C-alpha atoms as a PDB file:
ATOM      1  CA  MET A   1      -0.097  -0.210   0.053  1.00  0.00           C
ATOM      2  CA  THR A   2       1.361   3.339  -0.755  1.00  0.00           C
ATOM      3  CA  THR A   3       1.366   6.409   1.441  1.00  0.00           C
ATOM      4  CA  ARG A   4      -0.227   9.874   0.350  1.00  0.00           C
ATOM      5  CA  ARG A   5       3.150  10.934   0.359  1.00  0.00           C
ATOM      6  CA  GLU A   6       4.458   8.529  -2.366  1.00  0.00           C
ATOM      7  CA  ARG A   7       1.185   9.075  -4.412  1.00  0.00           C
ATOM      8  CA  PHE A   8       2.065  12.594  -4.325  1.00  0.00           C
ATOM      9  CA  ASP A   9       5.716  11.837  -5.536  1.00  0.00           C
ATOM     10  CA  ASP A  10       4.490   9.775  -7.998  1.00  0.00           C
ATOM     11  CA  LEU A  11       1.988  12.589  -9.267  1.00  0.00           C
ATOM     12  CA  VAL A  12       5.121  14.668  -9.676  1.00  0.00           C
ATOM     13  CA  LEU A  13       7.162  11.916 -11.484  1.00  0.00           C
ATOM     14  CA  ASP A  14       4.392  11.859 -14.284  1.00  0.00           C
ATOM     15  CA  ALA A  15       4.112  15.232 -14.795  1.00  0.00           C
ATOM     16  CA  ALA A  16       7.842  15.641 -15.295  1.00  0.00           C
ATOM     17  CA  ASP A  17       7.653  12.853 -17.461  1.00  0.00           C
ATOM     18  CA  ARG A  18       4.949  14.845 -19.701  1.00  0.00           C
ATOM     19  CA  VAL A  19       7.075  17.785 -19.867  1.00  0.00           C
ATOM     20  CA  ARG A  20      10.537  16.199 -20.463  1.00  0.00           C
ATOM     21  CA  PRO A  21      10.347  16.216 -24.107  1.00  0.00           C
ATOM     22  CA  HIS A  22      10.163  20.046 -24.186  1.00  0.00           C
ATOM     23  CA  LEU A  23      13.427  20.328 -21.939  1.00  0.00           C
ATOM     24  CA  ARG A  24      15.428  19.022 -24.888  1.00  0.00           C
ATOM     25  CA  SER A  25      19.372  18.753 -24.518  1.00  0.00           C
ATOM     26  CA  ARG A  26      19.798  21.923 -23.078  1.00  0.00           C
ATOM     27  CA  TYR A  27      17.695  21.468 -19.796  1.00  0.00           C
ATOM     28  CA  ALA A  28      17.682  17.592 -19.919  1.00  0.00           C
ATOM     29  CA  ALA A  29      19.135  17.578 -16.367  1.00  0.00           C
ATOM     30  CA  THR A  30      16.758  19.297 -14.772  1.00  0.00           C
ATOM     31  CA  GLU A  31      15.911  17.477 -11.700  1.00  0.00           C
ATOM     32  CA  PHE A  32      12.139  17.739 -10.016  1.00  0.00           C
ATOM     33  CA  ALA A  33      11.807  17.240  -6.410  1.00  0.00           C
ATOM     34  CA  VAL A  34       8.879  17.838  -3.901  1.00  0.00           C
ATOM     35  CA  GLN A  35       9.452  19.591  -0.496  1.00  0.00           C
ATOM     36  CA  ASP A  36       6.418  19.429   1.981  1.00  0.00           C
ATOM     37  CA  VAL A  37       6.438  23.369   2.334  1.00  0.00           C
ATOM     38  CA  PRO A  38       8.208  26.398   1.136  1.00  0.00           C
ATOM     39  CA  PRO A  39      10.526  28.296   2.735  1.00  0.00           C
ATOM     40  CA  THR A  40       9.332  30.251   5.611  1.00  0.00           C
ATOM     41  CA  ASP A  41      11.117  33.453   5.198  1.00  0.00           C
ATOM     42  CA  PRO A  42       9.594  35.042   2.179  1.00  0.00           C
ATOM     43  CA  ALA A  43      10.911  38.066   0.628  1.00  0.00           C
ATOM     44  CA  PRO A  44       8.948  41.179   1.909  1.00  0.00           C
ATOM     45  CA  TRP A  45       7.939  41.588  -2.238  1.00  0.00           C
ATOM     46  CA  GLU A  46       6.899  37.898  -2.257  1.00  0.00           C
ATOM     47  CA  GLU A  47       2.837  36.862  -1.951  1.00  0.00           C
ATOM     48  CA  GLN A  48       1.915  35.997   1.075  1.00  0.00           C
ATOM     49  CA  THR A  49       0.124  33.020  -0.108  1.00  0.00           C
ATOM     50  CA  PRO A  50       1.933  29.933   0.261  1.00  0.00           C
ATOM     51  CA  PRO A  51       3.516  29.333  -3.398  1.00  0.00           C
ATOM     52  CA  LEU A  52       2.365  25.911  -4.995  1.00  0.00           C
ATOM     53  CA  GLY A  53       5.847  25.655  -6.658  1.00  0.00           C
ATOM     54  CA  ARG A  54       9.075  27.194  -7.489  1.00  0.00           C
ATOM     55  CA  LEU A  55      11.999  26.999 -10.439  1.00  0.00           C
ATOM     56  CA  VAL A  56      15.202  27.124  -8.779  1.00  0.00           C
ATOM     57  CA  ARG A  57      17.782  28.262 -11.598  1.00  0.00           C
ATOM     58  CA  ALA A  58      20.999  26.009 -12.171  1.00  0.00           C
ATOM     59  CA  ASP A  59      24.251  27.520 -10.237  1.00  0.00           C
ATOM     60  CA  GLY A  60      27.805  26.120 -10.917  1.00  0.00           C
ATOM     61  CA  SER A  61      27.116  23.036  -8.979  1.00  0.00           C
ATOM     62  CA  ARG A  62      23.630  21.852  -9.694  1.00  0.00           C
ATOM     63  CA  PRO A  63      21.113  21.791 -12.595  1.00  0.00           C
ATOM     64  CA  ASP A  64      17.975  23.646 -12.655  1.00  0.00           C
ATOM     65  CA  HIS A  65      15.237  22.327  -9.988  1.00  0.00           C
ATOM     66  CA  VAL A  66      11.480  22.371 -10.553  1.00  0.00           C
ATOM     67  CA  VAL A  67      10.052  21.893  -6.845  1.00  0.00           C
ATOM     68  CA  VAL A  68       6.512  21.296  -5.947  1.00  0.00           C
ATOM     69  CA  TYR A  69       5.223  21.935  -2.521  1.00  0.00           C
ATOM     70  CA  ARG A  70       3.110  18.927  -1.325  1.00  0.00           C
ATOM     71  CA  ARG A  71       1.233  20.296   1.777  1.00  0.00           C
ATOM     72  CA  PRO A  72       0.289  23.706  -0.136  1.00  0.00           C
ATOM     73  CA  VAL A  73      -0.823  21.712  -2.951  1.00  0.00           C
ATOM     74  CA  GLU A  74      -2.568  19.339  -1.055  1.00  0.00           C
ATOM     75  CA  ALA A  75      -4.449  22.329   0.642  1.00  0.00           C
ATOM     76  CA  ARG A  76      -5.589  23.534  -2.650  1.00  0.00           C
ATOM     77  CA  ALA A  77      -7.276  19.966  -3.828  1.00  0.00           C
ATOM     78  CA  SER A  78     -10.747  19.076  -3.598  1.00  0.00           C
ATOM     79  CA  ASP A  79     -10.015  15.467  -4.316  1.00  0.00           C
ATOM     80  CA  GLU A  80      -7.682  13.074  -5.978  1.00  0.00           C
ATOM     81  CA  LEU A  81      -8.118  14.303  -9.518  1.00  0.00           C
ATOM     82  CA  ASP A  82      -8.015  17.669  -8.801  1.00  0.00           C
ATOM     83  CA  LEU A  83      -4.822  17.066  -6.827  1.00  0.00           C
ATOM     84  CA  ALA A  84      -3.239  15.783  -9.968  1.00  0.00           C
ATOM     85  CA  GLU A  85      -4.445  18.425 -12.284  1.00  0.00           C
ATOM     86  CA  ILE A  86      -2.548  21.059  -9.988  1.00  0.00           C
ATOM     87  CA  VAL A  87       0.339  19.053 -10.033  1.00  0.00           C
ATOM     88  CA  ARG A  88       0.534  19.111 -13.574  1.00  0.00           C
ATOM     89  CA  GLU A  89      -0.431  23.012 -13.723  1.00  0.00           C
ATOM     90  CA  VAL A  90       2.695  23.719 -11.453  1.00  0.00           C
ATOM     91  CA  VAL A  91       5.198  21.521 -12.923  1.00  0.00           C
ATOM     92  CA  THR A  92       4.134  22.935 -16.418  1.00  0.00           C
ATOM     93  CA  GLU A  93       4.467  26.413 -15.491  1.00  0.00           C
ATOM     94  CA  GLN A  94       7.584  26.075 -13.780  1.00  0.00           C
ATOM     95  CA  VAL A  95       9.090  24.519 -16.951  1.00  0.00           C
ATOM     96  CA  ALA A  96       7.328  27.225 -19.072  1.00  0.00           C
ATOM     97  CA  ALA A  97       9.128  29.412 -16.669  1.00  0.00           C
ATOM     98  CA  LEU A  98      12.400  27.751 -17.246  1.00  0.00           C
ATOM     99  CA  LEU A  99      11.849  27.874 -21.042  1.00  0.00           C
ATOM    100  CA  GLY A 100      10.312  31.297 -21.180  1.00  0.00           C
ATOM    101  CA  VAL A 101       7.322  29.932 -22.875  1.00  0.00           C
ATOM    102  CA  PRO A 102       3.790  30.216 -22.636  1.00  0.00           C
ATOM    103  CA  PRO A 103       2.252  27.399 -19.980  1.00  0.00           C
ATOM    104  CA  GLU A 104       0.181  26.432 -22.973  1.00  0.00           C
ATOM    105  CA  GLU A 105       2.672  25.441 -25.231  1.00  0.00           C
ATOM    106  CA  ILE A 106       4.077  23.178 -22.994  1.00  0.00           C
ATOM    107  CA  ASP A 107       0.880  21.543 -22.543  1.00  0.00           C
ATOM    108  CA  PRO A 108      -1.825  22.775 -24.677  1.00  0.00           C
ATOM    109  CA  GLY A 109      -4.679  21.067 -22.632  1.00  0.00           C
ATOM    110  CA  LEU A 110      -3.687  24.186 -19.802  1.00  0.00           C
ATOM    111  CA  ALA A 111      -5.553  26.591 -22.304  1.00  0.00           C
ATOM    112  CA  ASP A 112      -8.509  25.418 -21.598  1.00  0.00           C
ATOM    113  CA  ASP A 113      -8.066  25.982 -17.783  1.00  0.00           C
ATOM    114  CA  TYR A 114      -7.303  29.482 -17.881  1.00  0.00           C
END
């Protein structure tokens, strides 16, 4: 039996698999991660609503990272289908930000959601 955390991780991996073809060789090393909650010290200009995800740009020692925050996403979801959809949107939006393209270019199905 899988735990709720494992099911969430699987949703993120599934979403990552959907966007990987768009990463091509330049961003092929992009990693996908789950953290329970976002960092606790937001910058003063950041929203007070907890973010659902974040793009952490590569530095000299590590590749780009797409991070999905499990607890805020779970709090926003009304059921399992909604949870999967939110994860898909968060991953797609972060990859779109990485590539500098609209999210609909990564996942045309998202255009219906906006």
